[in-house]
């Protein structure tokens, strides 16, 4: 029979197909009878044993190897043994090449899809993935960001903390919780912590309290995305107030036709939308006023000069009506409470924002839904070690003791910054992040 297995020490003798599984029957190629591995004594034949192992799929179908192996008994110590087959992973009842294939794919596919493709139980796929994650945790390190983003997302029932490299738009780390009990040890043990020069986050104060003690060169910037988002929410609050005076059918119509129209910047409006906005101004003048205040606030960030932007904010604040637009007044208080950190945006390089982190949060949540309730550990590994996204970059730095040693630092040293967020987005859009 043609050797379709290409595995050392065995030869196929038969093949059959049933229940959507290809079964290859194979026998061990016997040589001289070995000596006992326990005592070195002579062995004699003691029957045969047949075991079934999973192998890599053929023709898009799962494969099982039914291997018949001789058994030997030691004349001296009565120990029973069978010959070792180095291509087998006895613990998982699978070939090592199948385990390697699962390792290559388990962080880029759902476990159920991979189990269906290989015919291996979902729990076995999960166990292989867990072993891979332990190895990756031990070996893979990404370059510490110069410009770091911190954000939270609700995932698997709790708020998690995302750490990103904003200079390169890469994922750097995901922490199980966003509390100081988790954040402080992370910053305390961060390698090359003196590299961090800027930290972008929202207004949640524990972020600043967590890193300020451990990152000697880092300056906090309250991310523009979170600040202008409050202006959009203040405008939307005025829309909701108007809708509350309408009937249910009118509310549905108003929400569909007006909400996204008023949240857009003027430069992004089509000619038809500009005409529609003028109709809104005439029909709902209070909403038109709120739109103008939202735009005036956005234009503060359009100003390239810090001092001019600060004066623009002061003028915007003074122009607010005293007893109206409550949410806009709340925004004023927020800006004053975080004044230095908000206007540090104009001191930062290239006036970067944390918007890509927000995109990433959406992708992670989508991955969670596709994966039918993955645990935090699995979602974290799928995000941090996504193989295709990690190709964007120049290589992986490994810790001492790993198979590939860390190269000595030099001008030509290449490093990896973590999975590239735009690549993760592209993978999700093309269905490769399932």
Protein backbone atom coordinates (compact mmCIF):
# COMPACT_ATOMS: atom_id res chain seq x y z
CA UNK A 1 0.00 0.00 0.00
CA UNK A 2 1.21 3.50 -0.85
CA UNK A 3 2.65 5.22 2.24
CA UNK A 4 0.26 8.17 2.55
CA UNK A 5 1.25 8.80 6.16
CA UNK A 6 4.92 9.68 5.82
CA UNK A 7 5.50 8.86 9.49
CA UNK A 8 8.66 7.08 10.70
CA UNK A 9 8.40 3.57 12.15
CA UNK A 10 4.94 2.65 10.82
CA UNK A 11 3.43 1.52 7.53
CA UNK A 12 -0.22 1.80 6.43
CA UNK A 13 -1.93 -1.51 5.62
CA UNK A 14 -5.54 -0.47 5.08
CA UNK A 15 -7.85 2.54 4.85
CA UNK A 16 -11.60 3.00 5.24
CA UNK A 17 -14.06 5.88 5.48
CA UNK A 18 -17.09 6.12 7.75
CA UNK A 19 -18.94 8.64 9.92
CA UNK A 20 -17.15 11.47 8.09
CA UNK A 21 -13.75 10.21 9.34
CA UNK A 22 -10.89 8.69 7.36
CA UNK A 23 -9.34 5.81 9.31
CA UNK A 24 -5.86 4.61 8.34
CA UNK A 25 -4.83 1.24 9.75
CA UNK A 26 -1.10 1.01 10.32
CA UNK A 27 1.42 -1.39 11.81
CA UNK A 28 4.75 -0.79 13.49
CA UNK A 29 7.77 -1.71 11.42
CA UNK A 30 9.47 -4.18 13.74
CA UNK A 31 13.20 -4.51 14.14
CA UNK A 32 15.32 -6.58 16.56
CA UNK A 33 13.71 -7.15 19.95
CA UNK A 34 15.10 -4.48 22.29
CA UNK A 35 16.31 -4.86 25.86
CA UNK A 36 14.26 -3.83 28.91
CA UNK A 37 14.52 -0.11 29.59
CA UNK A 38 14.08 -0.70 33.33
CA UNK A 39 16.67 -3.36 34.08
CA UNK A 40 18.37 -4.11 30.76
CA UNK A 41 17.15 -7.70 30.77
CA UNK A 42 15.97 -9.65 27.71
CA UNK A 43 12.42 -9.21 26.42
CA UNK A 44 10.03 -11.63 24.78
CA UNK A 45 6.90 -10.98 22.74
CA UNK A 46 3.69 -10.54 24.72
CA UNK A 47 0.93 -9.98 22.16
CA UNK A 48 -0.08 -6.74 20.48
CA UNK A 49 -2.08 -3.64 21.40
CA UNK A 50 -4.04 -1.40 19.04
CA UNK A 51 -4.58 2.29 19.81
CA UNK A 52 -6.30 5.05 17.87
CA UNK A 53 -4.75 8.50 17.44
CA UNK A 54 -6.00 11.64 15.72
CA UNK A 55 -3.93 12.92 12.80
CA UNK A 56 -3.97 15.94 10.50
CA UNK A 57 -6.99 16.08 8.13
CA UNK A 58 -6.87 14.67 4.58
CA UNK A 59 -9.12 15.95 1.80
CA UNK A 60 -10.86 18.26 4.29
CA UNK A 61 -11.81 15.25 6.45
CA UNK A 62 -10.66 14.29 9.99
CA UNK A 63 -8.19 11.39 10.12
CA UNK A 64 -7.67 8.65 12.68
CA UNK A 65 -4.65 6.35 12.85
CA UNK A 66 -5.35 2.85 14.11
CA UNK A 67 -1.87 1.66 15.07
CA UNK A 68 -1.08 -1.91 16.09
CA UNK A 69 2.03 -2.14 18.26
CA UNK A 70 3.81 -5.23 19.65
CA UNK A 71 4.06 -5.66 23.40
CA UNK A 72 7.09 -7.09 25.22
CA UNK A 73 7.56 -8.56 28.68
CA UNK A 74 10.91 -8.56 30.48
CA UNK A 75 12.03 -12.03 31.52
CA UNK A 76 13.91 -10.57 34.49
CA UNK A 77 11.59 -7.90 35.99
CA UNK A 78 8.29 -8.77 34.22
CA UNK A 79 7.90 -5.14 33.09
CA UNK A 80 5.58 -4.85 30.05
CA UNK A 81 6.48 -2.27 27.38
CA UNK A 82 5.60 -1.17 23.86
CA UNK A 83 7.94 0.54 21.38
CA UNK A 84 7.89 4.33 21.46
CA UNK A 85 6.72 6.17 18.37
CA UNK A 86 8.30 9.61 18.44
CA UNK A 87 5.67 11.19 16.21
CA UNK A 88 2.91 10.54 18.78
CA UNK A 89 1.65 12.78 21.57
CA UNK A 90 0.50 9.95 23.82
CA UNK A 91 -1.04 12.33 26.36
CA UNK A 92 -3.50 13.69 23.83
CA UNK A 93 -3.95 10.55 21.70
CA UNK A 94 -2.84 12.51 18.65
CA UNK A 95 0.15 12.90 16.39
CA UNK A 96 2.54 15.70 17.22
CA UNK A 97 1.99 17.22 13.80
CA UNK A 98 -1.73 17.51 14.53
CA UNK A 99 -1.00 19.14 17.89
CA UNK A 100 1.36 21.55 16.11
CA UNK A 101 -1.34 22.34 13.54
CA UNK A 102 -3.86 23.05 16.31
CA UNK A 103 -1.32 25.28 18.06
CA UNK A 104 -0.87 27.24 14.83
CA UNK A 105 -4.59 27.78 14.38
CA UNK A 106 -6.24 27.79 17.81
CA UNK A 107 -5.74 31.53 18.41
CA UNK A 108 -7.10 32.46 14.98
CA UNK A 109 -10.20 30.22 14.84
CA UNK A 110 -13.01 29.35 17.21
CA UNK A 111 -12.41 26.13 19.13
CA UNK A 112 -15.64 24.64 17.77
CA UNK A 113 -14.64 25.31 14.16
CA UNK A 114 -11.20 23.80 14.73
CA UNK A 115 -12.71 20.79 16.50
CA UNK A 116 -15.05 20.19 13.56
CA UNK A 117 -12.18 20.51 11.10
CA UNK A 118 -9.91 18.05 12.92
CA UNK A 119 -12.45 15.79 14.59
CA UNK A 120 -10.77 16.44 17.94
CA UNK A 121 -12.88 17.18 21.03
CA UNK A 122 -13.37 20.84 21.90
CA UNK A 123 -11.88 20.27 25.34
CA UNK A 124 -8.73 18.83 23.75
CA UNK A 125 -8.44 21.92 21.53
CA UNK A 126 -8.92 24.08 24.60
CA UNK A 127 -6.22 22.19 26.53
CA UNK A 128 -3.74 22.55 23.65
CA UNK A 129 -4.53 26.27 23.52
CA UNK A 130 -4.01 26.61 27.27
CA UNK A 131 -0.58 24.96 27.03
CA UNK A 132 0.30 27.29 24.15
CA UNK A 133 -0.80 30.34 26.14
CA UNK A 134 1.40 29.32 29.08
CA UNK A 135 4.35 29.04 26.70
CA UNK A 136 3.63 32.39 25.07
CA UNK A 137 3.26 34.07 28.45
CA UNK A 138 6.68 32.76 29.40
CA UNK A 139 8.51 33.69 26.22
CA UNK A 140 6.94 36.57 24.30
CA UNK A 141 7.63 40.17 25.24
CA UNK A 142 6.75 43.28 23.27
CA UNK A 143 8.73 46.48 23.19
CA UNK A 144 7.68 48.92 25.94
CA UNK A 145 5.77 51.82 24.31
CA UNK A 146 7.07 55.37 24.31
CA UNK A 147 3.47 56.55 23.90
CA UNK A 148 1.10 54.35 25.88
CA UNK A 149 -2.69 54.21 25.72
CA UNK A 150 -4.84 52.95 28.60
CA UNK A 151 -8.53 52.19 28.26
CA UNK A 152 -11.12 49.85 29.73
CA UNK A 153 -13.70 47.57 28.18
CA UNK A 154 -16.48 45.42 29.57
CA UNK A 155 -15.56 41.84 28.77
CA UNK A 156 -16.70 38.50 30.20
CA UNK A 157 -18.64 40.24 32.96
CA UNK A 158 -15.96 42.68 34.22
CA UNK A 159 -14.10 45.82 33.25
CA UNK A 160 -10.72 44.87 31.76
CA UNK A 161 -7.79 47.17 31.07
CA UNK A 162 -6.30 47.54 27.58
CA UNK A 163 -2.73 48.83 27.18
CA UNK A 164 -1.72 49.93 23.68
CA UNK A 165 1.30 51.35 21.89
CA UNK A 166 -0.10 54.52 20.31
CA UNK A 167 3.09 55.37 18.44
CA UNK A 168 2.74 52.20 16.35
CA UNK A 169 -0.99 51.36 16.82
CA UNK A 170 -0.27 48.00 18.43
CA UNK A 171 -1.69 46.02 21.33
CA UNK A 172 0.77 45.85 24.21
CA UNK A 173 -1.07 44.16 27.09
CA UNK A 174 -4.47 43.29 28.51
CA UNK A 175 -4.97 43.25 32.29
CA UNK A 176 -7.66 41.20 33.95
CA UNK A 177 -9.05 44.17 35.89
CA UNK A 178 -8.61 47.94 35.81
CA UNK A 179 -8.18 48.34 39.57
CA UNK A 180 -5.05 49.75 41.17
CA UNK A 181 -4.35 46.30 42.65
CA UNK A 182 -3.68 45.13 39.08
CA UNK A 183 -2.38 48.34 37.53
CA UNK A 184 0.29 49.19 40.11
CA UNK A 185 2.11 45.81 39.94
CA UNK A 186 1.96 46.00 36.14
CA UNK A 187 3.67 49.40 36.06
CA UNK A 188 6.06 48.47 38.86
CA UNK A 189 7.29 45.39 36.94
CA UNK A 190 7.20 46.96 33.47
CA UNK A 191 10.54 46.44 31.67
CA UNK A 192 12.25 49.59 30.37
CA UNK A 193 9.69 51.75 32.18
CA UNK A 194 11.86 54.83 31.67
CA UNK A 195 11.00 54.60 27.94
CA UNK A 196 7.39 55.67 28.55
CA UNK A 197 7.07 59.42 27.91
CA UNK A 198 3.33 59.85 27.38
CA UNK A 199 0.28 58.04 28.77
CA UNK A 200 -3.12 58.64 27.17
CA UNK A 201 -6.24 57.68 29.12
CA UNK A 202 -9.73 58.82 29.99
CA UNK A 203 -10.64 60.79 33.12
CA UNK A 204 -10.65 57.77 35.44
CA UNK A 205 -8.29 58.92 38.21
CA UNK A 206 -6.99 55.47 39.29
CA UNK A 207 -5.13 55.27 35.97
CA UNK A 208 -2.99 58.28 36.87
CA UNK A 209 -2.55 57.22 40.49
CA UNK A 210 -1.39 53.80 39.30
CA UNK A 211 1.40 54.82 36.94
CA UNK A 212 2.65 58.15 38.35
CA UNK A 213 4.80 56.48 41.00
CA UNK A 214 6.50 54.01 38.64
CA UNK A 215 6.93 55.74 35.27
CA UNK A 216 9.47 58.48 35.99
CA UNK A 217 9.38 60.13 32.56
CA UNK A 218 5.69 59.78 31.72
CA UNK A 219 3.22 62.64 31.40
CA UNK A 220 -0.54 62.05 31.38
CA UNK A 221 -2.73 63.24 28.53
CA UNK A 222 -6.51 63.00 28.84
CA UNK A 223 -7.39 61.57 25.48
CA UNK A 224 -9.17 63.87 23.03
CA UNK A 225 -11.55 61.06 22.07
CA UNK A 226 -13.06 60.93 25.56
CA UNK A 227 -13.33 64.71 25.91
CA UNK A 228 -15.07 65.48 22.63
CA UNK A 229 -17.26 62.42 23.18
CA UNK A 230 -18.77 64.27 26.16
CA UNK A 231 -19.70 67.18 23.86
CA UNK A 232 -21.45 64.75 21.50
CA UNK A 233 -23.25 63.17 24.45
CA UNK A 234 -24.35 66.62 25.65
CA UNK A 235 -25.84 67.33 22.22
CA UNK A 236 -27.55 63.94 22.21
CA UNK A 237 -29.01 64.71 25.62
CA UNK A 238 -30.75 67.76 24.13
CA UNK A 239 -32.14 65.58 21.33
CA UNK A 240 -33.55 63.15 23.88
CA UNK A 241 -35.19 66.00 25.80
CA UNK A 242 -36.96 67.09 22.64
CA UNK A 243 -37.96 63.51 21.79
CA UNK A 244 -39.53 63.08 25.24
CA UNK A 245 -42.24 65.59 24.21
CA UNK A 246 -43.21 63.53 21.15
CA UNK A 247 -45.35 60.48 20.52
CA UNK A 248 -43.68 57.08 20.23
CA UNK A 249 -43.87 56.99 16.41
CA UNK A 250 -42.47 60.50 16.13
CA UNK A 251 -39.62 59.62 18.52
CA UNK A 252 -38.58 56.71 16.32
CA UNK A 253 -38.63 58.91 13.21
CA UNK A 254 -36.69 61.73 14.90
CA UNK A 255 -34.02 59.37 16.28
CA UNK A 256 -33.43 57.70 12.92
CA UNK A 257 -33.34 60.91 10.89
CA UNK A 258 -31.66 63.37 13.25
CA UNK A 259 -29.30 61.59 15.63
CA UNK A 260 -26.46 60.75 13.24
CA UNK A 261 -27.05 63.95 11.30
CA UNK A 262 -26.35 66.14 14.34
CA UNK A 263 -23.41 64.06 15.54
CA UNK A 264 -21.55 64.54 12.23
CA UNK A 265 -18.99 67.31 11.74
CA UNK A 266 -20.03 69.94 9.16
CA UNK A 267 -17.19 68.97 6.84
CA UNK A 268 -18.51 65.39 6.71
CA UNK A 269 -22.08 66.34 5.76
CA UNK A 270 -23.29 65.71 2.23
CA UNK A 271 -25.17 68.52 0.44
CA UNK A 272 -28.46 66.76 1.22
CA UNK A 273 -27.51 66.44 4.89
CA UNK A 274 -26.58 70.12 5.07
CA UNK A 275 -30.03 70.99 3.77
CA UNK A 276 -31.60 68.62 6.28
CA UNK A 277 -29.63 70.25 9.10
CA UNK A 278 -31.02 73.66 8.12
CA UNK A 279 -34.52 72.19 8.37
CA UNK A 280 -33.67 70.94 11.87
CA UNK A 281 -32.48 74.42 12.86
CA UNK A 282 -35.76 75.95 11.73
CA UNK A 283 -37.99 73.24 13.21
CA UNK A 284 -36.08 72.58 16.46
CA UNK A 285 -34.08 75.77 17.18
CA UNK A 286 -32.90 74.58 20.62
CA UNK A 287 -31.30 71.52 19.00
CA UNK A 288 -29.63 73.79 16.45
CA UNK A 289 -28.14 75.82 19.31
CA UNK A 290 -26.86 72.65 20.99
CA UNK A 291 -25.31 71.56 17.67
CA UNK A 292 -23.46 74.87 17.40
CA UNK A 293 -22.09 74.53 20.94
CA UNK A 294 -20.95 71.00 20.17
CA UNK A 295 -19.16 72.24 17.06
CA UNK A 296 -17.60 75.19 18.90
CA UNK A 297 -16.16 72.73 21.43
CA UNK A 298 -14.84 70.43 18.68
CA UNK A 299 -13.14 73.41 17.03
CA UNK A 300 -11.11 73.96 20.21
CA UNK A 301 -9.24 70.77 19.28
CA UNK A 302 -8.87 71.98 15.70
CA UNK A 303 -6.69 74.84 16.97
CA UNK A 304 -3.00 73.90 16.63
CA UNK A 305 -1.81 76.37 19.30
CA UNK A 306 -2.27 75.47 22.98
CA UNK A 307 -2.70 79.04 24.30
CA UNK A 308 -5.21 79.85 21.58
CA UNK A 309 -7.13 76.63 22.36
CA UNK A 310 -7.25 77.56 26.05
CA UNK A 311 -8.66 80.98 25.18
CA UNK A 312 -11.19 79.34 22.86
CA UNK A 313 -12.36 77.11 25.70
CA UNK A 314 -12.76 80.13 27.98
CA UNK A 315 -14.80 81.94 25.34
CA UNK A 316 -16.92 78.83 24.77
CA UNK A 317 -17.56 78.48 28.51
CA UNK A 318 -18.56 82.13 28.87
CA UNK A 319 -20.99 81.88 25.95
CA UNK A 320 -23.03 79.05 27.47
CA UNK A 321 -26.51 80.09 28.66
CA UNK A 322 -26.78 80.06 32.47
CA UNK A 323 -29.79 77.78 32.97
CA UNK A 324 -29.84 75.64 29.85
CA UNK A 325 -27.70 72.93 28.24
CA UNK A 326 -27.04 71.14 31.54
CA UNK A 327 -24.73 68.51 30.07
CA UNK A 328 -22.54 71.16 28.47
CA UNK A 329 -22.11 72.75 31.90
CA UNK A 330 -21.09 69.33 33.24
CA UNK A 331 -18.48 69.22 30.49
CA UNK A 332 -17.13 72.56 31.70
CA UNK A 333 -16.68 71.14 35.21
CA UNK A 334 -14.92 68.08 33.84
CA UNK A 335 -12.47 70.18 31.84
CA UNK A 336 -11.65 72.30 34.89
CA UNK A 337 -11.20 69.19 37.07
CA UNK A 338 -8.64 67.80 34.59
CA UNK A 339 -7.47 71.05 33.03
CA UNK A 340 -3.71 70.48 32.87
CA UNK A 341 -4.04 66.88 31.68
CA UNK A 342 -6.59 67.79 29.00
CA UNK A 343 -4.53 70.66 27.60
CA UNK A 344 -1.39 68.52 27.74
CA UNK A 345 -2.79 67.17 24.45
CA UNK A 346 -1.22 70.18 22.71
CA UNK A 347 2.19 69.36 24.23
CA UNK A 348 2.18 65.74 23.08
CA UNK A 349 3.83 64.52 19.86
CA UNK A 350 1.63 64.71 16.75
CA UNK A 351 -1.43 65.16 19.00
CA UNK A 352 -2.18 61.42 18.99
CA UNK A 353 -5.55 60.02 20.17
CA UNK A 354 -6.63 56.74 21.69
CA UNK A 355 -9.30 56.15 19.04
CA UNK A 356 -7.70 52.92 17.72
CA UNK A 357 -8.00 51.41 21.20
CA UNK A 358 -11.74 52.06 21.03
CA UNK A 359 -11.87 50.21 17.68
CA UNK A 360 -9.95 47.34 19.22
CA UNK A 361 -12.42 47.11 22.10
CA UNK A 362 -15.21 46.54 19.60
CA UNK A 363 -13.25 43.81 17.83
CA UNK A 364 -12.54 42.00 21.09
CA UNK A 365 -16.21 42.06 22.04
CA UNK A 366 -17.10 40.68 18.61
CA UNK A 367 -14.52 37.90 19.04
CA UNK A 368 -16.10 37.08 22.39
CA UNK A 369 -19.54 36.71 20.80
CA UNK A 370 -18.21 34.58 17.93
CA UNK A 371 -16.36 32.36 20.41
CA UNK A 372 -19.54 31.65 22.39
CA UNK A 373 -18.39 33.02 25.69
CA UNK A 374 -14.64 32.54 25.75
CA UNK A 375 -12.96 33.07 29.11
CA UNK A 376 -10.97 36.24 29.72
CA UNK A 377 -7.71 34.27 29.42
CA UNK A 378 -8.61 32.94 25.96
CA UNK A 379 -9.78 36.31 24.63
CA UNK A 380 -6.62 37.94 25.97
CA UNK A 381 -4.42 35.36 24.24
CA UNK A 382 -6.33 35.62 20.96
CA UNK A 383 -5.84 39.40 21.07
CA UNK A 384 -2.22 39.56 22.24
CA UNK A 385 -0.81 36.69 20.20
CA UNK A 386 -2.87 36.80 16.98
CA UNK A 387 -0.30 35.31 14.59
CA UNK A 388 -1.25 37.15 11.40
CA UNK A 389 -1.35 40.52 13.14
CA UNK A 390 2.03 39.86 14.76
CA UNK A 391 3.60 39.54 11.32
CA UNK A 392 3.39 43.31 11.15
CA UNK A 393 6.75 44.10 12.70
CA UNK A 394 10.20 42.69 12.66
CA UNK A 395 10.24 39.77 15.05
CA UNK A 396 9.62 38.51 18.57
CA UNK A 397 11.86 39.16 21.52
CA UNK A 398 12.14 36.09 23.72
CA UNK A 399 13.15 35.82 27.34
CA UNK A 400 16.28 33.97 28.47
CA UNK A 401 15.66 30.24 28.57
CA UNK A 402 13.41 30.27 25.51
CA UNK A 403 14.32 28.31 22.39
CA UNK A 404 15.49 31.44 20.61
CA UNK A 405 17.63 33.69 22.84
CA UNK A 406 17.18 37.44 23.10
CA UNK A 407 19.58 39.17 20.71
CA UNK A 408 22.00 41.59 22.28
CA UNK A 409 20.90 45.20 21.98
CA UNK A 410 22.48 46.97 19.07
CA UNK A 411 21.66 49.48 16.39
CA UNK A 412 20.45 46.69 14.15
CA UNK A 413 18.28 44.92 16.78
CA UNK A 414 14.72 44.36 15.63
CA UNK A 415 11.75 44.07 17.97
CA UNK A 416 8.03 43.52 17.80
CA UNK A 417 5.55 45.99 19.20
CA UNK A 418 2.55 43.64 19.50
CA UNK A 419 -0.41 42.85 17.21
CA UNK A 420 -1.07 45.69 14.79
CA UNK A 421 -4.54 47.11 15.48
CA UNK A 422 -5.35 48.06 11.85
CA UNK A 423 -4.40 44.51 10.85
CA UNK A 424 -6.73 43.10 13.52
CA UNK A 425 -9.51 45.32 12.13
CA UNK A 426 -8.83 44.07 8.60
CA UNK A 427 -8.84 40.47 9.82
CA UNK A 428 -12.21 41.00 11.49
CA UNK A 429 -13.71 42.60 8.39
CA UNK A 430 -12.55 39.72 6.18
CA UNK A 431 -13.67 37.03 8.65
CA UNK A 432 -10.16 35.91 9.57
CA UNK A 433 -10.58 36.75 13.27
CA UNK A 434 -13.13 34.03 13.92
